[in-house]
């Protein structure tokens, strides 16, 4: 997972994280999240719409452009 550039962060200052097929299933907080940002783990469905937002911290997870998902519906 990689964080997007500062220009890609939403106006509400929430983090945008691009994920690929290798990152599925997507959950927040992610494996590289700092200790101060911990909250209960939630799994997010990015396969259906291409993005999902965490209800706890507002971080948005988006599929990288061109990502091909196999076996995910």
PDB file of N, CA and C in Angstrom:
ATOM      1  N   UNK A   1       0.835  -1.171   0.000  1.00  0.00           N
ATOM      2  CA  UNK A   1       0.000   0.000   0.000  1.00  0.00           C
ATOM      3  C   UNK A   1       0.877   1.230   0.000  1.00  0.00           C
ATOM      4  N   UNK A   2       0.468   2.222  -0.742  1.00  0.00           N
ATOM      5  CA  UNK A   2       1.223   3.456  -0.775  1.00  0.00           C
ATOM      6  C   UNK A   2       0.296   4.633  -0.568  1.00  0.00           C
ATOM      7  N   UNK A   3       0.768   5.627   0.147  1.00  0.00           N
ATOM      8  CA  UNK A   3      -0.025   6.830   0.359  1.00  0.00           C
ATOM      9  C   UNK A   3       0.063   7.694  -0.886  1.00  0.00           C
ATOM     10  N   UNK A   4      -1.028   8.364  -1.206  1.00  0.00           N
ATOM     11  CA  UNK A   4      -1.073   9.245  -2.365  1.00  0.00           C
ATOM     12  C   UNK A   4      -0.339  10.546  -2.051  1.00  0.00           C
ATOM     13  N   UNK A   5      -0.081  11.316  -3.081  1.00  0.00           N
ATOM     14  CA  UNK A   5       0.592  12.595  -2.899  1.00  0.00           C
ATOM     15  C   UNK A   5      -0.309  13.547  -2.115  1.00  0.00           C
ATOM     16  N   UNK A   6       0.266  14.574  -1.488  1.00  0.00           N
ATOM     17  CA  UNK A   6      -0.542  15.518  -0.708  1.00  0.00           C
ATOM     18  C   UNK A   6      -1.657  16.157  -1.525  1.00  0.00           C
ATOM     19  N   UNK A   7      -1.457  16.375  -2.815  1.00  0.00           N
ATOM     20  CA  UNK A   7      -2.491  16.973  -3.652  1.00  0.00           C
ATOM     21  C   UNK A   7      -3.686  16.048  -3.810  1.00  0.00           C
ATOM     22  N   UNK A   8      -3.474  14.749  -3.662  1.00  0.00           N
ATOM     23  CA  UNK A   8      -4.563  13.796  -3.833  1.00  0.00           C
ATOM     24  C   UNK A   8      -5.369  13.592  -2.558  1.00  0.00           C
ATOM     25  N   UNK A   9      -4.890  14.139  -1.438  1.00  0.00           N
ATOM     26  CA  UNK A   9      -5.607  13.988  -0.179  1.00  0.00           C
ATOM     27  C   UNK A   9      -6.838  14.879  -0.223  1.00  0.00           C
ATOM     28  N   UNK A  10      -7.966  14.370   0.258  1.00  0.00           N
ATOM     29  CA  UNK A  10      -9.222  15.110   0.183  1.00  0.00           C
ATOM     30  C   UNK A  10      -9.155  16.403   0.968  1.00  0.00           C
ATOM     31  N   UNK A  11     -10.097  17.291   0.701  1.00  0.00           N
ATOM     32  CA  UNK A  11     -10.114  18.589   1.351  1.00  0.00           C
ATOM     33  C   UNK A  11     -10.341  18.466   2.849  1.00  0.00           C
ATOM     34  N   UNK A  12     -10.918  17.361   3.314  1.00  0.00           N
ATOM     35  CA  UNK A  12     -11.128  17.144   4.740  1.00  0.00           C
ATOM     36  C   UNK A  12      -9.850  16.652   5.418  1.00  0.00           C
ATOM     37  N   UNK A  13      -8.749  16.562   4.673  1.00  0.00           N
ATOM     38  CA  UNK A  13      -7.452  16.135   5.177  1.00  0.00           C
ATOM     39  C   UNK A  13      -7.432  14.676   5.611  1.00  0.00           C
ATOM     40  N   UNK A  14      -8.229  13.842   4.967  1.00  0.00           N
ATOM     41  CA  UNK A  14      -8.186  12.414   5.234  1.00  0.00           C
ATOM     42  C   UNK A  14      -7.184  11.779   4.290  1.00  0.00           C
ATOM     43  N   UNK A  15      -6.554  10.748   4.769  1.00  0.00           N
ATOM     44  CA  UNK A  15      -5.541  10.047   3.991  1.00  0.00           C
ATOM     45  C   UNK A  15      -6.186   9.260   2.852  1.00  0.00           C
ATOM     46  N   UNK A  16      -5.532   9.243   1.685  1.00  0.00           N
ATOM     47  CA  UNK A  16      -5.957   8.426   0.555  1.00  0.00           C
ATOM     48  C   UNK A  16      -4.867   7.388   0.326  1.00  0.00           C
ATOM     49  N   UNK A  17      -5.256   6.116   0.330  1.00  0.00           N
ATOM     50  CA  UNK A  17      -4.300   5.027   0.203  1.00  0.00           C
ATOM     51  C   UNK A  17      -4.658   4.210  -1.027  1.00  0.00           C
ATOM     52  N   UNK A  18      -3.719   4.101  -1.959  1.00  0.00           N
ATOM     53  CA  UNK A  18      -3.941   3.294  -3.157  1.00  0.00           C
ATOM     54  C   UNK A  18      -3.534   1.860  -2.872  1.00  0.00           C
ATOM     55  N   UNK A  19      -4.387   0.926  -3.288  1.00  0.00           N
ATOM     56  CA  UNK A  19      -4.132  -0.493  -3.066  1.00  0.00           C
ATOM     57  C   UNK A  19      -4.237  -1.243  -4.380  1.00  0.00           C
ATOM     58  N   UNK A  20      -3.517  -2.341  -4.469  1.00  0.00           N
ATOM     59  CA  UNK A  20      -3.571  -3.204  -5.646  1.00  0.00           C
ATOM     60  C   UNK A  20      -4.205  -4.531  -5.293  1.00  0.00           C
ATOM     61  N   UNK A  21      -4.328  -5.398  -6.266  1.00  0.00           N
ATOM     62  CA  UNK A  21      -4.924  -6.713  -6.059  1.00  0.00           C
ATOM     63  C   UNK A  21      -4.152  -7.506  -5.010  1.00  0.00           C
ATOM     64  N   UNK A  22      -2.847  -7.278  -4.926  1.00  0.00           N
ATOM     65  CA  UNK A  22      -2.018  -8.006  -3.959  1.00  0.00           C
ATOM     66  C   UNK A  22      -2.305  -7.584  -2.513  1.00  0.00           C
ATOM     67  N   UNK A  23      -2.997  -6.464  -2.316  1.00  0.00           N
ATOM     68  CA  UNK A  23      -3.309  -5.958  -0.977  1.00  0.00           C
ATOM     69  C   UNK A  23      -4.652  -6.452  -0.440  1.00  0.00           C
ATOM     70  N   UNK A  24      -5.411  -7.167  -1.264  1.00  0.00           N
ATOM     71  CA  UNK A  24      -6.734  -7.637  -0.828  1.00  0.00           C
ATOM     72  C   UNK A  24      -6.604  -8.805   0.114  1.00  0.00           C
ATOM     73  N   UNK A  25      -7.422  -8.949   1.111  1.00  0.00           N
ATOM     74  CA  UNK A  25      -8.506  -8.043   1.492  1.00  0.00           C
ATOM     75  C   UNK A  25      -7.954  -6.789   2.175  1.00  0.00           C
ATOM     76  N   UNK A  26      -8.621  -5.667   1.931  1.00  0.00           N
ATOM     77  CA  UNK A  26      -8.195  -4.386   2.487  1.00  0.00           C
ATOM     78  C   UNK A  26      -8.805  -4.217   3.877  1.00  0.00           C
ATOM     79  N   UNK A  27      -7.985  -3.774   4.818  1.00  0.00           N
ATOM     80  CA  UNK A  27      -8.489  -3.495   6.154  1.00  0.00           C
ATOM     81  C   UNK A  27      -7.828  -2.237   6.697  1.00  0.00           C
ATOM     82  N   UNK A  28      -8.503  -1.608   7.623  1.00  0.00           N
ATOM     83  CA  UNK A  28      -8.004  -0.397   8.258  1.00  0.00           C
ATOM     84  C   UNK A  28      -8.085  -0.585   9.763  1.00  0.00           C
ATOM     85  N   UNK A  29      -7.097  -0.198  10.534  1.00  0.00           N
ATOM     86  CA  UNK A  29      -5.849   0.390  10.097  1.00  0.00           C
ATOM     87  C   UNK A  29      -4.973  -0.647   9.399  1.00  0.00           C
ATOM     88  N   UNK A  30      -4.218  -0.170   8.424  1.00  0.00           N
ATOM     89  CA  UNK A  30      -3.355  -1.040   7.635  1.00  0.00           C
ATOM     90  C   UNK A  30      -2.140  -1.515   8.423  1.00  0.00           C
ATOM     91  N   UNK A  31      -1.386  -2.425   7.838  1.00  0.00           N
ATOM     92  CA  UNK A  31      -0.235  -2.999   8.536  1.00  0.00           C
ATOM     93  C   UNK A  31       0.884  -2.003   8.835  1.00  0.00           C
ATOM     94  N   UNK A  32       0.927  -0.894   8.126  1.00  0.00           N
ATOM     95  CA  UNK A  32       1.983   0.103   8.347  1.00  0.00           C
ATOM     96  C   UNK A  32       1.484   1.333   9.097  1.00  0.00           C
ATOM     97  N   UNK A  33       0.278   1.264   9.655  1.00  0.00           N
ATOM     98  CA  UNK A  33      -0.294   2.410  10.357  1.00  0.00           C
ATOM     99  C   UNK A  33       0.477   2.682  11.647  1.00  0.00           C
ATOM    100  N   UNK A  34       0.699   3.959  11.953  1.00  0.00           N
ATOM    101  CA  UNK A  34       1.394   4.283  13.205  1.00  0.00           C
ATOM    102  C   UNK A  34       0.525   3.930  14.415  1.00  0.00           C
ATOM    103  N   UNK A  35       1.157   3.677  15.521  1.00  0.00           N
ATOM    104  CA  UNK A  35       0.461   3.256  16.728  1.00  0.00           C
ATOM    105  C   UNK A  35      -0.620   4.246  17.165  1.00  0.00           C
ATOM    106  N   UNK A  36      -0.385   5.543  17.006  1.00  0.00           N
ATOM    107  CA  UNK A  36      -1.343   6.549  17.453  1.00  0.00           C
ATOM    108  C   UNK A  36      -2.642   6.505  16.659  1.00  0.00           C
ATOM    109  N   UNK A  37      -2.639   5.889  15.488  1.00  0.00           N
ATOM    110  CA  UNK A  37      -3.838   5.888  14.645  1.00  0.00           C
ATOM    111  C   UNK A  37      -4.656   4.605  14.768  1.00  0.00           C
ATOM    112  N   UNK A  38      -4.360   3.791  15.758  1.00  0.00           N
ATOM    113  CA  UNK A  38      -5.051   2.506  15.895  1.00  0.00           C
ATOM    114  C   UNK A  38      -6.518   2.673  16.302  1.00  0.00           C
ATOM    115  N   UNK A  39      -7.351   1.843  15.711  1.00  0.00           N
ATOM    116  CA  UNK A  39      -8.764   1.731  16.045  1.00  0.00           C
ATOM    117  C   UNK A  39      -9.154   0.298  15.727  1.00  0.00           C
ATOM    118  N   UNK A  40     -10.361  -0.152  16.067  1.00  0.00           N
ATOM    119  CA  UNK A  40     -10.734  -1.537  15.749  1.00  0.00           C
ATOM    120  C   UNK A  40     -10.566  -1.818  14.254  1.00  0.00           C
ATOM    121  N   UNK A  41     -10.095  -3.015  13.916  1.00  0.00           N
ATOM    122  CA  UNK A  41      -9.882  -3.382  12.517  1.00  0.00           C
ATOM    123  C   UNK A  41     -11.219  -3.556  11.798  1.00  0.00           C
ATOM    124  N   UNK A  42     -11.325  -2.925  10.636  1.00  0.00           N
ATOM    125  CA  UNK A  42     -12.502  -3.079   9.791  1.00  0.00           C
ATOM    126  C   UNK A  42     -12.039  -3.460   8.393  1.00  0.00           C
ATOM    127  N   UNK A  43     -12.764  -4.371   7.765  1.00  0.00           N
ATOM    128  CA  UNK A  43     -12.463  -4.766   6.397  1.00  0.00           C
ATOM    129  C   UNK A  43     -13.299  -3.923   5.460  1.00  0.00           C
ATOM    130  N   UNK A  44     -12.690  -3.471   4.371  1.00  0.00           N
ATOM    131  CA  UNK A  44     -13.337  -2.553   3.444  1.00  0.00           C
ATOM    132  C   UNK A  44     -13.455  -3.185   2.063  1.00  0.00           C
ATOM    133  N   UNK A  45     -14.627  -3.055   1.449  1.00  0.00           N
ATOM    134  CA  UNK A  45     -14.885  -3.627   0.133  1.00  0.00           C
ATOM    135  C   UNK A  45     -14.554  -2.614  -0.957  1.00  0.00           C
ATOM    136  N   UNK A  46     -13.343  -2.690  -1.493  1.00  0.00           N
ATOM    137  CA  UNK A  46     -12.954  -1.800  -2.590  1.00  0.00           C
ATOM    138  C   UNK A  46     -13.202  -2.448  -3.946  1.00  0.00           C
ATOM    139  N   UNK A  47     -13.475  -3.746  -3.957  1.00  0.00           N
ATOM    140  CA  UNK A  47     -13.675  -4.466  -5.218  1.00  0.00           C
ATOM    141  C   UNK A  47     -14.951  -4.040  -5.915  1.00  0.00           C
ATOM    142  N   UNK A  48     -15.973  -3.707  -5.183  1.00  0.00           N
ATOM    143  CA  UNK A  48     -17.274  -3.381  -5.775  1.00  0.00           C
ATOM    144  C   UNK A  48     -17.276  -2.019  -6.461  1.00  0.00           C
ATOM    145  N   UNK A  49     -16.819  -0.978  -5.764  1.00  0.00           N
ATOM    146  CA  UNK A  49     -16.917   0.377  -6.307  1.00  0.00           C
ATOM    147  C   UNK A  49     -15.576   1.008  -6.668  1.00  0.00           C
ATOM    148  N   UNK A  50     -14.481   0.370  -6.286  1.00  0.00           N
ATOM    149  CA  UNK A  50     -13.163   0.922  -6.578  1.00  0.00           C
ATOM    150  C   UNK A  50     -12.577   1.729  -5.437  1.00  0.00           C
ATOM    151  N   UNK A  51     -13.416   2.055  -4.441  1.00  0.00           N
ATOM    152  CA  UNK A  51     -12.912   2.774  -3.276  1.00  0.00           C
ATOM    153  C   UNK A  51     -13.838   2.526  -2.091  1.00  0.00           C
ATOM    154  N   UNK A  52     -13.296   2.775  -0.896  1.00  0.00           N
ATOM    155  CA  UNK A  52     -14.072   2.650   0.336  1.00  0.00           C
ATOM    156  C   UNK A  52     -13.428   3.540   1.383  1.00  0.00           C
ATOM    157  N   UNK A  53     -14.257   4.048   2.287  1.00  0.00           N
ATOM    158  CA  UNK A  53     -13.778   4.937   3.339  1.00  0.00           C
ATOM    159  C   UNK A  53     -13.976   4.274   4.705  1.00  0.00           C
ATOM    160  N   UNK A  54     -12.971   4.391   5.543  1.00  0.00           N
ATOM    161  CA  UNK A  54     -13.033   3.840   6.894  1.00  0.00           C
ATOM    162  C   UNK A  54     -13.977   4.691   7.749  1.00  0.00           C
ATOM    163  N   UNK A  55     -14.916   4.041   8.406  1.00  0.00           N
ATOM    164  CA  UNK A  55     -15.875   4.754   9.253  1.00  0.00           C
ATOM    165  C   UNK A  55     -15.229   5.306  10.525  1.00  0.00           C
ATOM    166  N   UNK A  56     -14.100   4.753  10.942  1.00  0.00           N
ATOM    167  CA  UNK A  56     -13.433   5.215  12.158  1.00  0.00           C
ATOM    168  C   UNK A  56     -12.557   6.437  11.920  1.00  0.00           C
ATOM    169  N   UNK A  57     -11.672   6.362  10.944  1.00  0.00           N
ATOM    170  CA  UNK A  57     -10.692   7.439  10.780  1.00  0.00           C
ATOM    171  C   UNK A  57     -10.877   8.256   9.509  1.00  0.00           C
ATOM    172  N   UNK A  58     -11.728   7.802   8.598  1.00  0.00           N
ATOM    173  CA  UNK A  58     -11.984   8.550   7.374  1.00  0.00           C
ATOM    174  C   UNK A  58     -10.979   8.306   6.266  1.00  0.00           C
ATOM    175  N   UNK A  59      -9.993   7.451   6.494  1.00  0.00           N
ATOM    176  CA  UNK A  59      -9.019   7.158   5.435  1.00  0.00           C
ATOM    177  C   UNK A  59      -9.755   6.530   4.254  1.00  0.00           C
ATOM    178  N   UNK A  60      -9.388   6.942   3.056  1.00  0.00           N
ATOM    179  CA  UNK A  60     -10.013   6.396   1.853  1.00  0.00           C
ATOM    180  C   UNK A  60      -9.033   5.449   1.168  1.00  0.00           C
ATOM    181  N   UNK A  61      -9.518   4.274   0.844  1.00  0.00           N
ATOM    182  CA  UNK A  61      -8.736   3.263   0.141  1.00  0.00           C
ATOM    183  C   UNK A  61      -9.267   3.186  -1.281  1.00  0.00           C
ATOM    184  N   UNK A  62      -8.363   3.312  -2.274  1.00  0.00           N
ATOM    185  CA  UNK A  62      -8.739   3.268  -3.689  1.00  0.00           C
ATOM    186  C   UNK A  62      -7.893   2.237  -4.412  1.00  0.00           C
ATOM    187  N   UNK A  63      -8.521   1.581  -5.369  1.00  0.00           N
ATOM    188  CA  UNK A  63      -7.763   0.666  -6.220  1.00  0.00           C
ATOM    189  C   UNK A  63      -6.851   1.476  -7.124  1.00  0.00           C
ATOM    190  N   UNK A  64      -5.637   1.000  -7.314  1.00  0.00           N
ATOM    191  CA  UNK A  64      -4.705   1.645  -8.232  1.00  0.00           C
ATOM    192  C   UNK A  64      -5.293   1.573  -9.641  1.00  0.00           C
ATOM    193  N   UNK A  65      -5.090   2.618 -10.446  1.00  0.00           N
ATOM    194  CA  UNK A  65      -5.585   2.584 -11.823  1.00  0.00           C
ATOM    195  C   UNK A  65      -5.042   1.364 -12.563  1.00  0.00           C
ATOM    196  N   UNK A  66      -5.919   0.686 -13.287  1.00  0.00           N
ATOM    197  CA  UNK A  66      -5.520  -0.469 -14.057  1.00  0.00           C
ATOM    198  C   UNK A  66      -5.491  -1.773 -13.284  1.00  0.00           C
ATOM    199  N   UNK A  67      -5.888  -1.748 -12.010  1.00  0.00           N
ATOM    200  CA  UNK A  67      -5.885  -2.971 -11.199  1.00  0.00           C
ATOM    201  C   UNK A  67      -6.913  -3.953 -11.723  1.00  0.00           C
ATOM    202  N   UNK A  68      -6.478  -5.183 -11.929  1.00  0.00           N
ATOM    203  CA  UNK A  68      -7.370  -6.260 -12.378  1.00  0.00           C
ATOM    204  C   UNK A  68      -7.593  -7.222 -11.213  1.00  0.00           C
ATOM    205  N   UNK A  69      -8.855  -7.416 -10.872  1.00  0.00           N
ATOM    206  CA  UNK A  69      -9.199  -8.295  -9.759  1.00  0.00           C
ATOM    207  C   UNK A  69      -9.668  -9.629 -10.313  1.00  0.00           C
ATOM    208  N   UNK A  70      -9.094 -10.696  -9.807  1.00  0.00           N
ATOM    209  CA  UNK A  70      -9.480 -12.045 -10.224  1.00  0.00           C
ATOM    210  C   UNK A  70     -10.164 -12.742  -9.064  1.00  0.00           C
ATOM    211  N   UNK A  71     -11.366 -13.251  -9.297  1.00  0.00           N
ATOM    212  CA  UNK A  71     -12.062 -14.003  -8.271  1.00  0.00           C
ATOM    213  C   UNK A  71     -12.723 -13.163  -7.207  1.00  0.00           C
ATOM    214  N   UNK A  72     -12.810 -11.854  -7.384  1.00  0.00           N
ATOM    215  CA  UNK A  72     -13.477 -10.966  -6.428  1.00  0.00           C
ATOM    216  C   UNK A  72     -14.713 -10.398  -7.088  1.00  0.00           C
ATOM    217  N   UNK A  73     -15.849 -10.525  -6.414  1.00  0.00           N
ATOM    218  CA  UNK A  73     -17.104 -10.016  -6.997  1.00  0.00           C
ATOM    219  C   UNK A  73     -17.742  -9.017  -6.086  1.00  0.00           C
TER     220      UNK A  73
END
